């Protein structure tokens, strides 16, 4: 699972060919032992649990980088190498 970005202790990754479990485009985030899957389209948690403050940061980052995330999603579905995305600053 390649890490595509890191900011404020949050690791953001995307699995290759991960469409079977959640059919919608999503990312996986980890922070201090917590982890969840978050929809790229609307920032909703699909699975897992995440601290509210860090989730707000993730959702803001998704809003800023939605086009890049969707491009990475298409690459991941095709099993191709993903691009890194700038962190939240």
PDB file of N, CA and C in Angstrom:
ATOM      1  N   UNK A   1       0.854  -1.170   0.000  1.00  0.00           N
ATOM      2  CA  UNK A   1       0.000   0.000   0.000  1.00  0.00           C
ATOM      3  C   UNK A   1       0.897   1.229   0.000  1.00  0.00           C
ATOM      4  N   UNK A   2       1.027   1.890  -1.127  1.00  0.00           N
ATOM      5  CA  UNK A   2       1.908   3.060  -1.192  1.00  0.00           C
ATOM      6  C   UNK A   2       1.348   4.267  -0.448  1.00  0.00           C
ATOM      7  N   UNK A   3       2.239   4.932   0.270  1.00  0.00           N
ATOM      8  CA  UNK A   3       1.871   6.179   0.943  1.00  0.00           C
ATOM      9  C   UNK A   3       1.945   7.282  -0.099  1.00  0.00           C
ATOM     10  N   UNK A   4       0.844   8.015  -0.254  1.00  0.00           N
ATOM     11  CA  UNK A   4       0.823   9.074  -1.262  1.00  0.00           C
ATOM     12  C   UNK A   4       1.009  10.457  -0.654  1.00  0.00           C
ATOM     13  N   UNK A   5       0.844  10.569   0.678  1.00  0.00           N
ATOM     14  CA  UNK A   5       1.086  11.851   1.335  1.00  0.00           C
ATOM     15  C   UNK A   5       1.190  11.645   2.844  1.00  0.00           C
ATOM     16  N   UNK A   6       1.812  12.614   3.512  1.00  0.00           N
ATOM     17  CA  UNK A   6       1.939  12.623   4.967  1.00  0.00           C
ATOM     18  C   UNK A   6       1.858  14.068   5.431  1.00  0.00           C
ATOM     19  N   UNK A   7       1.063  14.313   6.471  1.00  0.00           N
ATOM     20  CA  UNK A   7       0.996  15.650   7.051  1.00  0.00           C
ATOM     21  C   UNK A   7       0.460  15.559   8.479  1.00  0.00           C
ATOM     22  N   UNK A   8       1.029  16.347   9.370  1.00  0.00           N
ATOM     23  CA  UNK A   8       0.610  16.413  10.774  1.00  0.00           C
ATOM     24  C   UNK A   8       0.471  15.032  11.421  1.00  0.00           C
ATOM     25  N   UNK A   9       1.383  14.136  11.086  1.00  0.00           N
ATOM     26  CA  UNK A   9       1.368  12.794  11.651  1.00  0.00           C
ATOM     27  C   UNK A   9       0.369  11.840  11.015  1.00  0.00           C
ATOM     28  N   UNK A  10      -0.325  12.292   9.983  1.00  0.00           N
ATOM     29  CA  UNK A  10      -1.322  11.482   9.286  1.00  0.00           C
ATOM     30  C   UNK A  10      -0.683  10.878   8.043  1.00  0.00           C
ATOM     31  N   UNK A  11      -0.807   9.565   7.885  1.00  0.00           N
ATOM     32  CA  UNK A  11      -0.311   8.872   6.698  1.00  0.00           C
ATOM     33  C   UNK A  11      -1.494   8.587   5.786  1.00  0.00           C
ATOM     34  N   UNK A  12      -1.354   8.961   4.514  1.00  0.00           N
ATOM     35  CA  UNK A  12      -2.414   8.752   3.524  1.00  0.00           C
ATOM     36  C   UNK A  12      -1.907   7.764   2.493  1.00  0.00           C
ATOM     37  N   UNK A  13      -2.675   6.708   2.260  1.00  0.00           N
ATOM     38  CA  UNK A  13      -2.265   5.710   1.280  1.00  0.00           C
ATOM     39  C   UNK A  13      -3.462   5.266   0.449  1.00  0.00           C
ATOM     40  N   UNK A  14      -3.117   4.569  -0.625  1.00  0.00           N
ATOM     41  CA  UNK A  14      -4.136   4.060  -1.535  1.00  0.00           C
ATOM     42  C   UNK A  14      -3.670   2.693  -2.000  1.00  0.00           C
ATOM     43  N   UNK A  15      -4.555   1.705  -1.906  1.00  0.00           N
ATOM     44  CA  UNK A  15      -4.238   0.349  -2.350  1.00  0.00           C
ATOM     45  C   UNK A  15      -4.364   0.247  -3.863  1.00  0.00           C
ATOM     46  N   UNK A  16      -3.550  -0.624  -4.446  1.00  0.00           N
ATOM     47  CA  UNK A  16      -3.717  -0.961  -5.853  1.00  0.00           C
ATOM     48  C   UNK A  16      -4.918  -1.878  -5.997  1.00  0.00           C
ATOM     49  N   UNK A  17      -5.715  -1.644  -7.006  1.00  0.00           N
ATOM     50  CA  UNK A  17      -6.853  -2.497  -7.357  1.00  0.00           C
ATOM     51  C   UNK A  17      -7.758  -2.775  -6.159  1.00  0.00           C
ATOM     52  N   UNK A  18      -8.051  -1.753  -5.363  1.00  0.00           N
ATOM     53  CA  UNK A  18      -8.861  -1.901  -4.152  1.00  0.00           C
ATOM     54  C   UNK A  18     -10.306  -1.476  -4.415  1.00  0.00           C
ATOM     55  N   UNK A  19     -10.947  -2.062  -5.407  1.00  0.00           N
ATOM     56  CA  UNK A  19     -12.323  -1.694  -5.715  1.00  0.00           C
ATOM     57  C   UNK A  19     -13.317  -2.717  -5.198  1.00  0.00           C
ATOM     58  N   UNK A  20     -12.853  -3.882  -4.777  1.00  0.00           N
ATOM     59  CA  UNK A  20     -13.760  -4.926  -4.326  1.00  0.00           C
ATOM     60  C   UNK A  20     -14.419  -4.626  -2.995  1.00  0.00           C
ATOM     61  N   UNK A  21     -13.673  -4.065  -2.060  1.00  0.00           N
ATOM     62  CA  UNK A  21     -14.199  -3.843  -0.716  1.00  0.00           C
ATOM     63  C   UNK A  21     -15.122  -2.625  -0.657  1.00  0.00           C
ATOM     64  N   UNK A  22     -14.686  -1.524  -1.228  1.00  0.00           N
ATOM     65  CA  UNK A  22     -15.497  -0.314  -1.303  1.00  0.00           C
ATOM     66  C   UNK A  22     -15.502   0.067  -2.780  1.00  0.00           C
ATOM     67  N   UNK A  23     -16.640   0.079  -3.393  1.00  0.00           N
ATOM     68  CA  UNK A  23     -16.688   0.338  -4.830  1.00  0.00           C
ATOM     69  C   UNK A  23     -16.496   1.796  -5.187  1.00  0.00           C
ATOM     70  N   UNK A  24     -16.429   2.651  -4.210  1.00  0.00           N
ATOM     71  CA  UNK A  24     -16.237   4.065  -4.529  1.00  0.00           C
ATOM     72  C   UNK A  24     -14.788   4.470  -4.281  1.00  0.00           C
ATOM     73  N   UNK A  25     -14.311   5.475  -4.996  1.00  0.00           N
ATOM     74  CA  UNK A  25     -12.935   5.947  -4.813  1.00  0.00           C
ATOM     75  C   UNK A  25     -12.695   6.380  -3.362  1.00  0.00           C
ATOM     76  N   UNK A  26     -11.587   5.910  -2.789  1.00  0.00           N
ATOM     77  CA  UNK A  26     -11.305   6.220  -1.392  1.00  0.00           C
ATOM     78  C   UNK A  26      -9.811   6.153  -1.105  1.00  0.00           C
ATOM     79  N   UNK A  27      -9.457   6.688   0.053  1.00  0.00           N
ATOM     80  CA  UNK A  27      -8.092   6.623   0.555  1.00  0.00           C
ATOM     81  C   UNK A  27      -8.119   5.932   1.913  1.00  0.00           C
ATOM     82  N   UNK A  28      -6.953   5.528   2.364  1.00  0.00           N
ATOM     83  CA  UNK A  28      -6.783   4.956   3.693  1.00  0.00           C
ATOM     84  C   UNK A  28      -5.905   5.916   4.477  1.00  0.00           C
ATOM     85  N   UNK A  29      -6.322   6.241   5.700  1.00  0.00           N
ATOM     86  CA  UNK A  29      -5.543   7.148   6.539  1.00  0.00           C
ATOM     87  C   UNK A  29      -5.242   6.480   7.870  1.00  0.00           C
ATOM     88  N   UNK A  30      -4.062   6.797   8.414  1.00  0.00           N
ATOM     89  CA  UNK A  30      -3.620   6.274   9.708  1.00  0.00           C
ATOM     90  C   UNK A  30      -3.077   7.411  10.551  1.00  0.00           C
ATOM     91  N   UNK A  31      -3.369   7.338  11.850  1.00  0.00           N
ATOM     92  CA  UNK A  31      -2.869   8.345  12.788  1.00  0.00           C
ATOM     93  C   UNK A  31      -2.862   7.735  14.183  1.00  0.00           C
ATOM     94  N   UNK A  32      -1.706   7.632  14.785  1.00  0.00           N
ATOM     95  CA  UNK A  32      -1.537   7.153  16.158  1.00  0.00           C
ATOM     96  C   UNK A  32      -2.389   5.921  16.474  1.00  0.00           C
ATOM     97  N   UNK A  33      -2.260   4.898  15.653  1.00  0.00           N
ATOM     98  CA  UNK A  33      -2.957   3.645  15.903  1.00  0.00           C
ATOM     99  C   UNK A  33      -4.394   3.589  15.397  1.00  0.00           C
ATOM    100  N   UNK A  34      -4.943   4.700  14.977  1.00  0.00           N
ATOM    101  CA  UNK A  34      -6.299   4.738  14.406  1.00  0.00           C
ATOM    102  C   UNK A  34      -6.179   4.681  12.888  1.00  0.00           C
ATOM    103  N   UNK A  35      -7.157   4.062  12.260  1.00  0.00           N
ATOM    104  CA  UNK A  35      -7.141   4.023  10.803  1.00  0.00           C
ATOM    105  C   UNK A  35      -8.566   3.930  10.275  1.00  0.00           C
ATOM    106  N   UNK A  36      -8.735   4.434   9.061  1.00  0.00           N
ATOM    107  CA  UNK A  36     -10.040   4.354   8.417  1.00  0.00           C
ATOM    108  C   UNK A  36      -9.895   4.537   6.914  1.00  0.00           C
ATOM    109  N   UNK A  37     -10.968   4.232   6.214  1.00  0.00           N
ATOM    110  CA  UNK A  37     -11.077   4.475   4.777  1.00  0.00           C
ATOM    111  C   UNK A  37     -12.014   5.656   4.603  1.00  0.00           C
ATOM    112  N   UNK A  38     -11.625   6.611   3.739  1.00  0.00           N
ATOM    113  CA  UNK A  38     -12.404   7.830   3.551  1.00  0.00           C
ATOM    114  C   UNK A  38     -12.716   8.009   2.069  1.00  0.00           C
ATOM    115  N   UNK A  39     -13.972   8.282   1.774  1.00  0.00           N
ATOM    116  CA  UNK A  39     -14.402   8.515   0.400  1.00  0.00           C
ATOM    117  C   UNK A  39     -13.757   9.787  -0.152  1.00  0.00           C
ATOM    118  N   UNK A  40     -13.248   9.706  -1.371  1.00  0.00           N
ATOM    119  CA  UNK A  40     -12.676  10.883  -2.032  1.00  0.00           C
ATOM    120  C   UNK A  40     -13.792  11.829  -2.458  1.00  0.00           C
ATOM    121  N   UNK A  41     -14.923  11.286  -2.816  1.00  0.00           N
ATOM    122  CA  UNK A  41     -16.024  12.098  -3.336  1.00  0.00           C
ATOM    123  C   UNK A  41     -16.631  13.022  -2.288  1.00  0.00           C
ATOM    124  N   UNK A  42     -16.817  12.526  -1.050  1.00  0.00           N
ATOM    125  CA  UNK A  42     -17.529  13.337  -0.065  1.00  0.00           C
ATOM    126  C   UNK A  42     -16.899  13.373   1.330  1.00  0.00           C
ATOM    127  N   UNK A  43     -15.745  12.730   1.512  1.00  0.00           N
ATOM    128  CA  UNK A  43     -15.050  12.772   2.793  1.00  0.00           C
ATOM    129  C   UNK A  43     -15.697  11.970   3.909  1.00  0.00           C
ATOM    130  N   UNK A  44     -16.601  11.067   3.565  1.00  0.00           N
ATOM    131  CA  UNK A  44     -17.294  10.244   4.550  1.00  0.00           C
ATOM    132  C   UNK A  44     -16.441   9.016   4.886  1.00  0.00           C
ATOM    133  N   UNK A  45     -16.418   8.640   6.157  1.00  0.00           N
ATOM    134  CA  UNK A  45     -15.708   7.432   6.574  1.00  0.00           C
ATOM    135  C   UNK A  45     -16.484   6.216   6.076  1.00  0.00           C
ATOM    136  N   UNK A  46     -15.795   5.352   5.338  1.00  0.00           N
ATOM    137  CA  UNK A  46     -16.405   4.134   4.811  1.00  0.00           C
ATOM    138  C   UNK A  46     -16.220   2.962   5.767  1.00  0.00           C
ATOM    139  N   UNK A  47     -15.105   2.957   6.474  1.00  0.00           N
ATOM    140  CA  UNK A  47     -14.811   1.888   7.434  1.00  0.00           C
ATOM    141  C   UNK A  47     -13.767   2.403   8.412  1.00  0.00           C
ATOM    142  N   UNK A  48     -13.831   1.917   9.636  1.00  0.00           N
ATOM    143  CA  UNK A  48     -12.841   2.290  10.630  1.00  0.00           C
ATOM    144  C   UNK A  48     -13.274   3.447  11.501  1.00  0.00           C
ATOM    145  N   UNK A  49     -12.301   3.981  12.228  1.00  0.00           N
ATOM    146  CA  UNK A  49     -12.539   5.055  13.188  1.00  0.00           C
ATOM    147  C   UNK A  49     -11.350   6.008  13.127  1.00  0.00           C
ATOM    148  N   UNK A  50     -11.610   7.308  13.303  1.00  0.00           N
ATOM    149  CA  UNK A  50     -10.544   8.290  13.202  1.00  0.00           C
ATOM    150  C   UNK A  50     -10.877   9.470  14.098  1.00  0.00           C
ATOM    151  N   UNK A  51      -9.868  10.092  14.725  1.00  0.00           N
ATOM    152  CA  UNK A  51     -10.124  11.264  15.566  1.00  0.00           C
ATOM    153  C   UNK A  51     -10.741  12.414  14.746  1.00  0.00           C
ATOM    154  N   UNK A  52     -11.713  13.081  15.328  1.00  0.00           N
ATOM    155  CA  UNK A  52     -12.466  14.129  14.620  1.00  0.00           C
ATOM    156  C   UNK A  52     -11.567  15.249  14.087  1.00  0.00           C
ATOM    157  N   UNK A  53     -10.626  15.714  14.888  1.00  0.00           N
ATOM    158  CA  UNK A  53      -9.753  16.815  14.471  1.00  0.00           C
ATOM    159  C   UNK A  53      -8.918  16.414  13.247  1.00  0.00           C
ATOM    160  N   UNK A  54      -8.342  15.226  13.279  1.00  0.00           N
ATOM    161  CA  UNK A  54      -7.523  14.759  12.164  1.00  0.00           C
ATOM    162  C   UNK A  54      -8.396  14.463  10.937  1.00  0.00           C
ATOM    163  N   UNK A  55      -9.613  13.997  11.149  1.00  0.00           N
ATOM    164  CA  UNK A  55     -10.520  13.761  10.024  1.00  0.00           C
ATOM    165  C   UNK A  55     -10.842  15.069   9.313  1.00  0.00           C
ATOM    166  N   UNK A  56     -11.029  16.135  10.068  1.00  0.00           N
ATOM    167  CA  UNK A  56     -11.279  17.445   9.437  1.00  0.00           C
ATOM    168  C   UNK A  56     -10.094  17.863   8.564  1.00  0.00           C
ATOM    169  N   UNK A  57      -8.867  17.596   9.036  1.00  0.00           N
ATOM    170  CA  UNK A  57      -7.682  17.901   8.232  1.00  0.00           C
ATOM    171  C   UNK A  57      -7.666  17.068   6.955  1.00  0.00           C
ATOM    172  N   UNK A  58      -8.003  15.796   7.080  1.00  0.00           N
ATOM    173  CA  UNK A  58      -8.023  14.904   5.919  1.00  0.00           C
ATOM    174  C   UNK A  58      -9.067  15.375   4.905  1.00  0.00           C
ATOM    175  N   UNK A  59     -10.246  15.736   5.379  1.00  0.00           N
ATOM    176  CA  UNK A  59     -11.314  16.187   4.473  1.00  0.00           C
ATOM    177  C   UNK A  59     -10.902  17.482   3.769  1.00  0.00           C
ATOM    178  N   UNK A  60     -10.261  18.399   4.483  1.00  0.00           N
ATOM    179  CA  UNK A  60      -9.769  19.633   3.855  1.00  0.00           C
ATOM    180  C   UNK A  60      -8.737  19.312   2.786  1.00  0.00           C
ATOM    181  N   UNK A  61      -7.836  18.379   3.095  1.00  0.00           N
ATOM    182  CA  UNK A  61      -6.806  17.970   2.132  1.00  0.00           C
ATOM    183  C   UNK A  61      -7.446  17.331   0.904  1.00  0.00           C
ATOM    184  N   UNK A  62      -8.459  16.486   1.115  1.00  0.00           N
ATOM    185  CA  UNK A  62      -9.171  15.862  -0.007  1.00  0.00           C
ATOM    186  C   UNK A  62      -9.780  16.940  -0.901  1.00  0.00           C
ATOM    187  N   UNK A  63     -10.425  17.931  -0.296  1.00  0.00           N
ATOM    188  CA  UNK A  63     -11.054  19.005  -1.087  1.00  0.00           C
ATOM    189  C   UNK A  63     -10.034  19.730  -1.954  1.00  0.00           C
ATOM    190  N   UNK A  64      -8.859  19.975  -1.405  1.00  0.00           N
ATOM    191  CA  UNK A  64      -7.809  20.693  -2.147  1.00  0.00           C
ATOM    192  C   UNK A  64      -7.245  19.838  -3.284  1.00  0.00           C
ATOM    193  N   UNK A  65      -7.116  18.532  -3.060  1.00  0.00           N
ATOM    194  CA  UNK A  65      -6.416  17.655  -4.002  1.00  0.00           C
ATOM    195  C   UNK A  65      -7.328  16.627  -4.690  1.00  0.00           C
ATOM    196  N   UNK A  66      -8.609  16.916  -4.788  1.00  0.00           N
ATOM    197  CA  UNK A  66      -9.569  15.942  -5.311  1.00  0.00           C
ATOM    198  C   UNK A  66      -9.207  15.458  -6.720  1.00  0.00           C
ATOM    199  N   UNK A  67      -8.813  16.366  -7.607  1.00  0.00           N
ATOM    200  CA  UNK A  67      -8.461  15.971  -8.977  1.00  0.00           C
ATOM    201  C   UNK A  67      -7.246  15.041  -8.993  1.00  0.00           C
ATOM    202  N   UNK A  68      -6.244  15.358  -8.190  1.00  0.00           N
ATOM    203  CA  UNK A  68      -5.052  14.509  -8.108  1.00  0.00           C
ATOM    204  C   UNK A  68      -5.386  13.145  -7.508  1.00  0.00           C
ATOM    205  N   UNK A  69      -6.254  13.136  -6.505  1.00  0.00           N
ATOM    206  CA  UNK A  69      -6.658  11.875  -5.888  1.00  0.00           C
ATOM    207  C   UNK A  69      -7.419  10.997  -6.870  1.00  0.00           C
ATOM    208  N   UNK A  70      -8.294  11.596  -7.653  1.00  0.00           N
ATOM    209  CA  UNK A  70      -9.044  10.815  -8.642  1.00  0.00           C
ATOM    210  C   UNK A  70      -8.099  10.273  -9.718  1.00  0.00           C
ATOM    211  N   UNK A  71      -7.096  11.049 -10.091  1.00  0.00           N
ATOM    212  CA  UNK A  71      -6.109  10.560 -11.059  1.00  0.00           C
ATOM    213  C   UNK A  71      -5.341   9.377 -10.465  1.00  0.00           C
ATOM    214  N   UNK A  72      -4.938   9.476  -9.196  1.00  0.00           N
ATOM    215  CA  UNK A  72      -4.263   8.359  -8.530  1.00  0.00           C
ATOM    216  C   UNK A  72      -5.192   7.155  -8.418  1.00  0.00           C
ATOM    217  N   UNK A  73      -6.475   7.385  -8.154  1.00  0.00           N
ATOM    218  CA  UNK A  73      -7.429   6.280  -8.056  1.00  0.00           C
ATOM    219  C   UNK A  73      -7.478   5.501  -9.376  1.00  0.00           C
ATOM    220  N   UNK A  74      -7.524   6.228 -10.494  1.00  0.00           N
ATOM    221  CA  UNK A  74      -7.555   5.563 -11.801  1.00  0.00           C
ATOM    222  C   UNK A  74      -6.288   4.739 -12.020  1.00  0.00           C
ATOM    223  N   UNK A  75      -5.147   5.287 -11.601  1.00  0.00           N
ATOM    224  CA  UNK A  75      -3.893   4.537 -11.706  1.00  0.00           C
ATOM    225  C   UNK A  75      -3.929   3.297 -10.819  1.00  0.00           C
ATOM    226  N   UNK A  76      -4.437   3.434  -9.599  1.00  0.00           N
ATOM    227  CA  UNK A  76      -4.496   2.306  -8.667  1.00  0.00           C
ATOM    228  C   UNK A  76      -5.396   1.198  -9.201  1.00  0.00           C
ATOM    229  N   UNK A  77      -6.538   1.569  -9.757  1.00  0.00           N
ATOM    230  CA  UNK A  77      -7.462   0.581 -10.322  1.00  0.00           C
ATOM    231  C   UNK A  77      -6.791  -0.186 -11.458  1.00  0.00           C
ATOM    232  N   UNK A  78      -5.955   0.520 -12.223  1.00  0.00           N
ATOM    233  CA  UNK A  78      -5.243  -0.101 -13.339  1.00  0.00           C
ATOM    234  C   UNK A  78      -3.987  -0.850 -12.871  1.00  0.00           C
ATOM    235  N   UNK A  79      -3.667  -0.766 -11.574  1.00  0.00           N
ATOM    236  CA  UNK A  79      -2.482  -1.447 -11.050  1.00  0.00           C
ATOM    237  C   UNK A  79      -1.193  -0.748 -11.377  1.00  0.00           C
ATOM    238  N   UNK A  80      -1.270   0.552 -11.668  1.00  0.00           N
ATOM    239  CA  UNK A  80      -0.080   1.320 -12.034  1.00  0.00           C
ATOM    240  C   UNK A  80       0.448   2.106 -10.837  1.00  0.00           C
ATOM    241  N   UNK A  81       1.678   2.590 -10.965  1.00  0.00           N
ATOM    242  CA  UNK A  81       2.329   3.342  -9.908  1.00  0.00           C
ATOM    243  C   UNK A  81       1.605   4.667  -9.651  1.00  0.00           C
ATOM    244  N   UNK A  82       1.461   5.000  -8.376  1.00  0.00           N
ATOM    245  CA  UNK A  82       0.762   6.220  -7.977  1.00  0.00           C
ATOM    246  C   UNK A  82       1.724   7.395  -7.828  1.00  0.00           C
ATOM    247  N   UNK A  83       1.187   8.588  -7.953  1.00  0.00           N
ATOM    248  CA  UNK A  83       1.960   9.805  -7.743  1.00  0.00           C
ATOM    249  C   UNK A  83       1.791  10.269  -6.311  1.00  0.00           C
ATOM    250  N   UNK A  84       2.839  10.855  -5.748  1.00  0.00           N
ATOM    251  CA  UNK A  84       2.741  11.469  -4.432  1.00  0.00           C
ATOM    252  C   UNK A  84       1.974  12.772  -4.574  1.00  0.00           C
ATOM    253  N   UNK A  85       1.267  13.148  -3.531  1.00  0.00           N
ATOM    254  CA  UNK A  85       0.470  14.369  -3.524  1.00  0.00           C
ATOM    255  C   UNK A  85       0.970  15.244  -2.391  1.00  0.00           C
ATOM    256  N   UNK A  86       1.071  16.538  -2.648  1.00  0.00           N
ATOM    257  CA  UNK A  86       1.585  17.474  -1.646  1.00  0.00           C
ATOM    258  C   UNK A  86       0.785  17.396  -0.349  1.00  0.00           C
ATOM    259  N   UNK A  87       1.465  17.557   0.773  1.00  0.00           N
ATOM    260  CA  UNK A  87       0.777  17.514   2.059  1.00  0.00           C
ATOM    261  C   UNK A  87      -0.047  18.775   2.308  1.00  0.00           C
ATOM    262  N   UNK A  88      -0.898  18.703   3.326  1.00  0.00           N
ATOM    263  CA  UNK A  88      -1.644  19.872   3.779  1.00  0.00           C
ATOM    264  C   UNK A  88      -0.655  20.803   4.457  1.00  0.00           C
ATOM    265  N   UNK A  89      -0.691  22.069   4.093  1.00  0.00           N
ATOM    266  CA  UNK A  89       0.256  23.042   4.669  1.00  0.00           C
ATOM    267  C   UNK A  89      -0.471  24.177   5.315  1.00  0.00           C
TER     268      UNK A  89
END
